[in-house]
Amino acid sequence: MAERHVSVAEPILGDEEYENVEQVLDSGRFLQGPMVEEFEDKWADFVGTDHAVAVSNGTTAIQLALNAIGLEPGDEVIVPSMTFGSTATAVVHQAGVPVFADIDRELYTLDHTDLERCLTDRTVAVMPVHLYGHPAEMDEICAFADEHDLYIIEDAAQAHGARYREETVGSLGDAGCFSFYATKNITTGEGGIVTTDDDEIAEQIRLLRSHGMSGRDQHITLGYNYRMSDINGAIGTAQVDRLAGFNQRRREISERLLSEIADLDWLEPATVRDYVDHAYFWAPIEIKTDVAGMSGKEVWRELNERGVETRHRYVDPLYDQPVFENHRGFNSEFPWSVNDNNHDYDLSLPNVEAVAGNTIGLPNHPNLEEADIEYVIKTIRDFDPE
């Protein structure tokens, strides 16, 4: 029995969130009302974009952004091979074909040097993921997109408040997509948002999220029911005001944890570039399996048993996932069947193969007490995988 249990993530709510929700409940207006509008305005100001359009979750944010840029059946979107599956499944939901690029060996984000290999005459967009809260190398990605006239859709679902060369992620491409799931840096319970400076993209997403309707009776395009409730917006608008403080605490905890264990020979703290502000959704370490003699999964399991809950995700590259290997979309091989390139996903990309399954994230949420932090450090330092 572990002497202590340290959780890897916790939503943090205060009085303002409860008061806002009570205000919505008293109003009787639950769907996409003034609280959502306030949340959108605050988030646009925070990110530094002209628009922020709230939606039901982070996956639908990506889906609507792809729809709004005019993705057609069989069009291709370049995505990294190691991330949460919805980065790529959202492409398929919009009848596009994901094309998998390798990852940067140090940052785990999209490898910009692999973009040329992925480019075809069907490529429409590039979707960098700011994985674990570290921004992708956006200068190089943006230069490539500009050269080839491609859209950039930022998947910033793990990077609330992260900055790349003084610019907040979500403002660097044509659209930025955020998730506000319960364990993220801030939460709305469930929800997402799209940020953009493009008036047409913003207007299209507003239309698409609410059945493609103009007014109450006229359906002018094929839309969805992807609205955010005012209850979610009530939580979100309070959370935005607390994000800077949350992130500062995450940074302090993460940097301390990673520095205190950096000398251990069986792990490697993830690289952080000096021109970024890391959001530290994860405090990530890579397990050197040849030194440890254990897999990432085995280390994850052992630490959990000792009371240190950790994250362990993205064990298999996305191109090995059955939905993509088997070309299963819309109960058929569509949209791959209308794509001249067809993409069999018979891939073995070196960086993602070296990393997938070997990263874990340490507890770093702002609710951690000093005793929790010390226990995590001690547990990891005392852990001898050999």
Protein backbone atom coordinates (compact mmCIF):
# COMPACT_ATOMS: atom_id res chain seq x y z
CA MET A 1 0.00 0.00 0.00
CA ALA A 2 1.51 3.33 -1.07
CA GLU A 3 1.97 5.84 1.76
CA ARG A 4 0.53 8.61 -0.39
CA HIS A 5 -1.50 9.04 -3.58
CA VAL A 6 -0.66 11.94 -5.89
CA SER A 7 -3.17 12.55 -8.70
CA VAL A 8 -1.90 13.44 -12.14
CA ALA A 9 -4.65 15.98 -12.89
CA GLU A 10 -7.53 17.76 -11.17
CA PRO A 11 -10.02 20.39 -12.35
CA ILE A 12 -9.76 23.49 -10.16
CA LEU A 13 -12.95 25.44 -9.53
CA GLY A 14 -13.56 28.48 -7.35
CA ASP A 15 -16.44 30.57 -6.09
CA GLU A 16 -16.82 32.51 -9.34
CA GLU A 17 -17.43 29.34 -11.37
CA TYR A 18 -20.17 28.24 -8.95
CA GLU A 19 -21.75 31.70 -8.90
CA ASN A 20 -21.74 31.90 -12.71
CA VAL A 21 -23.35 28.47 -13.06
CA GLU A 22 -26.01 29.39 -10.48
CA GLN A 23 -26.72 32.56 -12.47
CA VAL A 24 -27.30 30.48 -15.62
CA LEU A 25 -29.52 28.01 -13.78
CA ASP A 26 -31.58 30.86 -12.37
CA SER A 27 -31.91 32.45 -15.80
CA GLY A 28 -33.39 29.34 -17.41
CA ARG A 29 -31.32 29.98 -20.55
CA PHE A 30 -28.96 27.06 -20.84
CA LEU A 31 -27.87 27.03 -24.49
CA GLN A 32 -25.23 29.37 -25.88
CA GLY A 33 -26.21 32.56 -24.15
CA PRO A 34 -24.40 35.56 -22.66
CA MET A 35 -21.89 33.46 -20.69
CA VAL A 36 -20.66 31.78 -23.87
CA GLU A 37 -20.36 35.17 -25.55
CA GLU A 38 -18.36 36.54 -22.61
CA PHE A 39 -16.12 33.47 -22.68
CA GLU A 40 -15.54 33.91 -26.42
CA ASP A 41 -14.62 37.58 -26.00
CA LYS A 42 -12.20 36.83 -23.17
CA TRP A 43 -10.55 33.97 -25.05
CA ALA A 44 -10.09 36.03 -28.22
CA ASP A 45 -8.45 38.77 -26.13
CA PHE A 46 -6.24 36.25 -24.36
CA VAL A 47 -5.03 34.56 -27.55
CA GLY A 48 -4.85 37.81 -29.51
CA THR A 49 -7.22 37.02 -32.38
CA ASP A 50 -10.19 38.85 -33.81
CA HIS A 51 -12.54 35.92 -33.23
CA ALA A 52 -13.08 33.01 -30.85
CA VAL A 53 -16.02 30.72 -31.60
CA ALA A 54 -17.05 28.33 -28.83
CA VAL A 55 -18.15 24.80 -29.73
CA SER A 56 -18.99 21.53 -28.00
CA ASN A 57 -15.47 20.08 -27.68
CA GLY A 58 -11.95 20.17 -29.11
CA THR A 59 -12.61 17.54 -31.74
CA THR A 60 -15.54 19.44 -33.19
CA ALA A 61 -13.40 22.59 -33.14
CA ILE A 62 -10.96 20.90 -35.53
CA GLN A 63 -13.75 19.46 -37.63
CA LEU A 64 -15.47 22.83 -38.10
CA ALA A 65 -12.18 24.61 -38.83
CA LEU A 66 -11.47 22.10 -41.60
CA ASN A 67 -14.98 22.53 -42.97
CA ALA A 68 -14.64 26.30 -42.88
CA ILE A 69 -11.48 26.30 -45.01
CA GLY A 70 -13.36 24.33 -47.66
CA LEU A 71 -11.92 20.82 -47.29
CA GLU A 72 -13.30 18.62 -50.06
CA PRO A 73 -13.60 14.78 -50.19
CA GLY A 74 -10.16 13.25 -50.63
CA ASP A 75 -8.27 16.45 -49.81
CA GLU A 76 -5.22 15.83 -47.66
CA VAL A 77 -4.14 17.28 -44.33
CA ILE A 78 -0.63 16.67 -42.98
CA VAL A 79 -0.72 15.68 -39.29
CA PRO A 80 1.86 14.34 -36.83
CA SER A 81 1.94 10.61 -36.17
CA MET A 82 1.99 10.83 -32.36
CA THR A 83 -0.93 12.67 -30.80
CA PHE A 84 -4.49 12.01 -29.69
CA GLY A 85 -6.50 10.28 -32.39
CA SER A 86 -9.04 13.04 -32.97
CA THR A 87 -6.40 15.19 -34.67
CA ALA A 88 -6.63 12.73 -37.54
CA THR A 89 -10.18 11.38 -37.16
CA ALA A 90 -11.53 14.95 -37.42
CA VAL A 91 -9.95 15.08 -40.88
CA VAL A 92 -11.80 11.91 -41.88
CA HIS A 93 -15.07 13.22 -40.41
CA GLN A 94 -14.75 16.07 -42.89
CA ALA A 95 -14.12 13.56 -45.73
CA GLY A 96 -10.41 14.39 -45.86
CA VAL A 97 -7.40 12.08 -45.81
CA PRO A 98 -4.81 12.44 -43.03
CA VAL A 99 -1.19 12.16 -44.16
CA PHE A 100 1.13 11.22 -41.31
CA ALA A 101 4.41 13.05 -40.78
CA ASP A 102 7.18 12.12 -38.37
CA ILE A 103 7.76 14.00 -35.12
CA ASP A 104 10.65 16.14 -33.97
CA ARG A 105 12.89 13.78 -31.97
CA GLU A 106 13.41 16.28 -29.14
CA LEU A 107 10.11 18.18 -28.98
CA TYR A 108 7.69 15.39 -30.04
CA THR A 109 5.81 17.91 -32.20
CA LEU A 110 5.39 17.84 -35.99
CA ASP A 111 8.74 17.42 -37.77
CA HIS A 112 8.90 20.26 -40.28
CA THR A 113 11.74 18.51 -42.14
CA ASP A 114 9.30 15.72 -43.09
CA LEU A 115 6.67 17.98 -44.65
CA GLU A 116 8.09 17.84 -48.17
CA ARG A 117 7.78 14.04 -48.20
CA CYS A 118 4.10 14.34 -47.28
CA LEU A 119 3.20 16.95 -49.90
CA THR A 120 1.03 15.96 -52.88
CA ASP A 121 -1.24 17.77 -55.30
CA ARG A 122 -4.16 17.02 -52.93
CA THR A 123 -2.58 18.67 -49.86
CA VAL A 124 -4.74 21.49 -48.51
CA ALA A 125 -3.56 22.05 -44.95
CA VAL A 126 -0.96 21.30 -42.28
CA MET A 127 -2.08 20.64 -38.72
CA PRO A 128 0.73 21.05 -36.16
CA VAL A 129 -0.05 19.84 -32.65
CA HIS A 130 1.48 21.72 -29.72
CA LEU A 131 1.96 18.42 -27.89
CA TYR A 132 2.17 18.34 -24.09
CA GLY A 133 2.06 22.16 -24.15
CA HIS A 134 5.26 22.81 -26.13
CA PRO A 135 4.67 24.81 -29.33
CA ALA A 136 5.62 23.20 -32.63
CA GLU A 137 8.32 24.87 -34.74
CA MET A 138 5.92 27.34 -36.30
CA ASP A 139 8.42 29.51 -38.21
CA GLU A 140 9.41 26.61 -40.42
CA ILE A 141 5.88 25.21 -40.67
CA CYS A 142 4.43 28.60 -41.63
CA ALA A 143 7.17 29.15 -44.22
CA PHE A 144 6.40 25.76 -45.80
CA ALA A 145 2.66 26.49 -45.82
CA ASP A 146 3.22 29.91 -47.38
CA GLU A 147 5.46 28.43 -50.08
CA HIS A 148 2.85 25.84 -51.04
CA ASP A 149 -0.30 27.90 -50.41
CA LEU A 150 -1.56 25.67 -47.60
CA TYR A 151 -3.79 26.44 -44.64
CA ILE A 152 -2.48 25.98 -41.10
CA ILE A 153 -4.88 24.64 -38.48
CA GLU A 154 -3.22 24.65 -35.06
CA ASP A 155 -4.25 21.83 -32.73
CA ALA A 156 -3.69 23.67 -29.45
CA ALA A 157 -5.81 21.32 -27.34
CA GLN A 158 -2.92 20.83 -24.88
CA ALA A 159 -1.36 24.29 -25.05
CA HIS A 160 -3.57 26.90 -23.38
CA GLY A 161 -1.41 29.98 -22.95
CA ALA A 162 1.73 28.55 -24.55
CA ARG A 163 3.73 31.09 -26.55
CA TYR A 164 6.08 30.77 -29.51
CA ARG A 165 8.48 33.68 -30.00
CA GLU A 166 6.18 35.93 -27.94
CA GLU A 167 3.06 34.95 -29.92
CA THR A 168 0.29 32.95 -28.23
CA VAL A 169 -0.50 29.63 -29.87
CA GLY A 170 -3.83 29.68 -31.63
CA SER A 171 -2.91 32.99 -33.29
CA LEU A 172 -0.12 31.69 -35.54
CA GLY A 173 -2.10 29.88 -38.23
CA ASP A 174 -5.36 30.38 -40.08
CA ALA A 175 -7.26 28.88 -37.16
CA GLY A 176 -6.43 27.54 -33.71
CA CYS A 177 -8.39 24.76 -32.00
CA PHE A 178 -8.58 24.35 -28.22
CA SER A 179 -10.16 21.77 -25.92
CA PHE A 180 -11.53 22.51 -22.46
CA TYR A 181 -11.88 18.92 -21.27
CA ALA A 182 -11.88 18.45 -17.49
CA THR A 183 -8.13 17.74 -17.15
CA LYS A 184 -6.84 20.56 -19.38
CA ASN A 185 -5.04 23.67 -18.10
CA ILE A 186 -8.46 25.28 -17.82
CA THR A 187 -11.82 23.59 -18.25
CA THR A 188 -15.42 24.23 -19.12
CA GLY A 189 -16.29 20.65 -18.10
CA GLU A 190 -16.42 19.79 -21.80
CA GLY A 191 -16.01 22.22 -24.65
CA GLY A 192 -13.83 23.66 -27.36
CA ILE A 193 -13.15 26.88 -29.23
CA VAL A 194 -11.75 28.03 -32.57
CA THR A 195 -9.65 31.19 -32.78
CA THR A 196 -9.00 33.04 -36.02
CA ASP A 197 -8.39 36.46 -37.57
CA ASP A 198 -10.30 35.42 -40.70
CA ASP A 199 -13.81 36.89 -40.71
CA GLU A 200 -15.12 34.34 -43.22
CA ILE A 201 -13.78 31.34 -41.29
CA ALA A 202 -15.33 32.66 -38.08
CA GLU A 203 -18.69 33.32 -39.68
CA GLN A 204 -18.76 29.90 -41.31
CA ILE A 205 -18.01 28.17 -37.99
CA ARG A 206 -20.76 30.14 -36.25
CA LEU A 207 -23.15 28.96 -38.94
CA LEU A 208 -21.97 25.34 -38.91
CA ARG A 209 -22.11 24.90 -35.13
CA SER A 210 -25.85 25.59 -35.08
CA HIS A 211 -27.40 23.39 -37.78
CA GLY A 212 -26.24 25.61 -40.64
CA MET A 213 -29.15 27.90 -39.86
CA SER A 214 -29.59 31.57 -40.56
CA GLY A 215 -32.19 32.71 -38.08
CA ARG A 216 -34.61 30.16 -36.64
CA ASP A 217 -36.06 28.61 -39.80
CA GLN A 218 -33.66 28.72 -42.73
CA HIS A 219 -31.02 26.01 -43.22
CA ILE A 220 -28.55 27.47 -45.69
CA THR A 221 -25.76 24.88 -45.42
CA LEU A 222 -25.26 21.42 -43.94
CA GLY A 223 -24.46 22.11 -40.31
CA TYR A 224 -24.22 20.37 -36.96
CA ASN A 225 -25.41 20.73 -33.39
CA TYR A 226 -21.99 21.62 -31.97
CA ARG A 227 -22.92 24.53 -29.71
CA MET A 228 -21.51 25.13 -26.25
CA SER A 229 -24.02 25.39 -23.41
CA ASP A 230 -24.16 28.50 -21.27
CA ILE A 231 -23.36 26.34 -18.24
CA ASN A 232 -20.04 25.42 -19.85
CA GLY A 233 -19.47 29.03 -20.83
CA ALA A 234 -20.14 30.12 -17.25
CA ILE A 235 -17.31 27.91 -16.02
CA GLY A 236 -15.01 28.91 -18.87
CA THR A 237 -15.33 32.67 -18.49
CA ALA A 238 -14.21 32.39 -14.86
CA GLN A 239 -11.40 29.99 -15.73
CA VAL A 240 -9.83 32.33 -18.32
CA ASP A 241 -9.12 34.84 -15.55
CA ARG A 242 -7.22 32.17 -13.62
CA LEU A 243 -5.20 30.65 -16.48
CA ALA A 244 -2.08 32.80 -16.09
CA GLY A 245 -1.83 31.84 -12.43
CA PHE A 246 -2.52 28.18 -13.15
CA ASN A 247 0.18 28.11 -15.83
CA GLN A 248 2.72 29.86 -13.64
CA ARG A 249 2.19 27.23 -10.96
CA ARG A 250 2.34 24.40 -13.53
CA ARG A 251 5.62 25.81 -14.82
CA GLU A 252 7.13 26.08 -11.33
CA ILE A 253 6.14 22.52 -10.41
CA SER A 254 7.15 21.00 -13.75
CA GLU A 255 10.54 22.69 -13.91
CA ARG A 256 11.29 21.67 -10.34
CA LEU A 257 10.27 18.05 -10.89
CA LEU A 258 12.23 17.72 -14.11
CA SER A 259 15.37 19.38 -12.73
CA GLU A 260 15.35 17.21 -9.59
CA ILE A 261 15.39 13.96 -11.59
CA ALA A 262 17.41 15.03 -14.63
CA ASP A 263 20.53 13.18 -13.45
CA LEU A 264 18.84 9.74 -13.45
CA ASP A 265 20.26 7.62 -16.25
CA TRP A 266 17.05 5.75 -17.10
CA LEU A 267 15.00 8.79 -18.11
CA GLU A 268 15.30 11.98 -20.15
CA PRO A 269 13.26 15.11 -19.41
CA ALA A 270 11.73 16.53 -22.58
CA THR A 271 13.51 19.39 -24.32
CA VAL A 272 12.13 22.92 -23.93
CA ARG A 273 13.31 25.54 -26.41
CA ASP A 274 14.38 28.86 -24.91
CA TYR A 275 12.12 30.89 -27.23
CA VAL A 276 8.87 29.30 -26.06
CA ASP A 277 6.64 29.50 -23.02
CA HIS A 278 5.70 25.90 -22.31
CA ALA A 279 2.13 25.38 -21.04
CA TYR A 280 3.11 22.10 -19.34
CA PHE A 281 -0.12 20.21 -19.89
CA TRP A 282 2.30 17.34 -19.26
CA ALA A 283 5.57 17.40 -17.36
CA PRO A 284 6.97 14.83 -19.80
CA ILE A 285 9.87 12.43 -19.42
CA GLU A 286 11.06 9.82 -21.89
CA ILE A 287 11.96 6.39 -20.54
CA LYS A 288 15.27 5.08 -21.87
CA THR A 289 14.02 1.53 -22.18
CA ASP A 290 17.44 0.06 -22.98
CA VAL A 291 18.82 1.45 -19.71
CA ALA A 292 15.72 0.89 -17.61
CA GLY A 293 15.11 -2.62 -18.87
CA MET A 294 11.41 -1.75 -18.72
CA SER A 295 8.86 -0.34 -21.14
CA GLY A 296 7.13 2.96 -20.61
CA LYS A 297 3.97 1.05 -19.73
CA GLU A 298 5.79 -0.95 -17.06
CA VAL A 299 7.29 2.19 -15.50
CA TRP A 300 3.87 3.84 -15.57
CA ARG A 301 2.33 0.85 -13.82
CA GLU A 302 5.05 0.68 -11.15
CA LEU A 303 4.84 4.38 -10.31
CA ASN A 304 1.06 4.18 -10.05
CA GLU A 305 1.40 1.31 -7.59
CA ARG A 306 3.74 3.48 -5.51
CA GLY A 307 1.15 6.24 -5.36
CA VAL A 308 2.38 8.50 -8.15
CA GLU A 309 -0.29 8.70 -10.82
CA THR A 310 1.20 9.51 -14.24
CA ARG A 311 0.00 9.97 -17.79
CA HIS A 312 0.90 7.38 -20.41
CA ARG A 313 -0.66 7.84 -23.83
CA TYR A 314 0.05 7.54 -27.56
CA VAL A 315 1.55 4.07 -27.27
CA ASP A 316 1.10 3.29 -30.97
CA PRO A 317 1.67 5.63 -33.91
CA LEU A 318 -1.56 6.83 -35.46
CA TYR A 319 -0.74 5.14 -38.77
CA ASP A 320 -0.90 1.79 -36.93
CA GLN A 321 -4.39 2.43 -35.58
CA PRO A 322 -7.00 0.13 -37.20
CA VAL A 323 -9.29 2.98 -38.31
CA PHE A 324 -6.53 4.29 -40.58
CA GLU A 325 -4.86 1.00 -41.49
CA ASN A 326 -8.23 -0.36 -42.62
CA HIS A 327 -9.45 2.85 -44.27
CA ARG A 328 -12.68 2.82 -42.29
CA GLY A 329 -14.71 5.96 -42.78
CA PHE A 330 -18.47 6.35 -43.20
CA ASN A 331 -18.89 2.53 -43.14
CA SER A 332 -16.75 2.27 -46.27
CA GLU A 333 -13.33 3.17 -47.67
CA PHE A 334 -14.54 6.71 -48.31
CA PRO A 335 -12.79 9.24 -48.32
CA TRP A 336 -9.65 7.31 -49.27
CA SER A 337 -11.51 5.78 -52.20
CA VAL A 338 -11.80 9.17 -53.91
CA ASN A 339 -8.16 10.05 -53.31
CA ASP A 340 -5.79 9.38 -56.22
CA ASN A 341 -2.88 8.80 -53.81
CA ASN A 342 -4.86 6.39 -51.59
CA HIS A 343 -2.22 6.31 -48.75
CA ASP A 344 -1.87 2.75 -47.51
CA TYR A 345 -0.12 3.89 -44.28
CA ASP A 346 2.56 1.25 -44.63
CA LEU A 347 4.86 3.49 -42.62
CA SER A 348 7.67 3.17 -40.11
CA LEU A 349 8.79 6.68 -39.28
CA PRO A 350 11.98 6.62 -37.20
CA ASN A 351 11.34 9.31 -34.61
CA VAL A 352 7.81 8.34 -33.71
CA GLU A 353 8.80 4.65 -33.59
CA ALA A 354 11.56 5.53 -31.11
CA VAL A 355 9.31 7.61 -28.88
CA ALA A 356 5.79 6.14 -29.01
CA GLY A 357 4.94 4.37 -25.77
CA ASN A 358 8.04 5.62 -23.97
CA THR A 359 6.84 8.96 -22.61
CA ILE A 360 5.02 9.53 -19.34
CA GLY A 361 3.74 12.74 -17.73
CA LEU A 362 4.33 13.48 -14.06
CA PRO A 363 1.74 15.08 -11.75
CA ASN A 364 2.02 18.86 -12.15
CA HIS A 365 -1.42 20.40 -11.58
CA PRO A 366 -1.67 23.58 -9.48
CA ASN A 367 -3.48 21.85 -6.60
CA LEU A 368 -0.37 19.89 -5.63
CA GLU A 369 0.94 20.57 -2.14
CA GLU A 370 4.60 20.72 -1.19
CA ALA A 371 4.39 17.26 0.36
CA ASP A 372 2.98 15.89 -2.93
CA ILE A 373 5.82 17.37 -4.96
CA GLU A 374 8.45 16.04 -2.57
CA TYR A 375 6.80 12.60 -2.64
CA VAL A 376 6.87 12.49 -6.45
CA ILE A 377 10.57 13.42 -6.50
CA LYS A 378 11.46 10.92 -3.79
CA THR A 379 9.44 8.12 -5.38
CA ILE A 380 11.09 8.57 -8.76
CA ARG A 381 14.58 8.92 -7.32
CA ASP A 382 14.09 5.81 -5.15
CA PHE A 383 12.68 3.85 -8.09
CA ASP A 384 15.34 1.56 -9.52
CA PRO A 385 14.02 -0.03 -12.71
CA GLU A 386 17.15 -2.17 -13.00
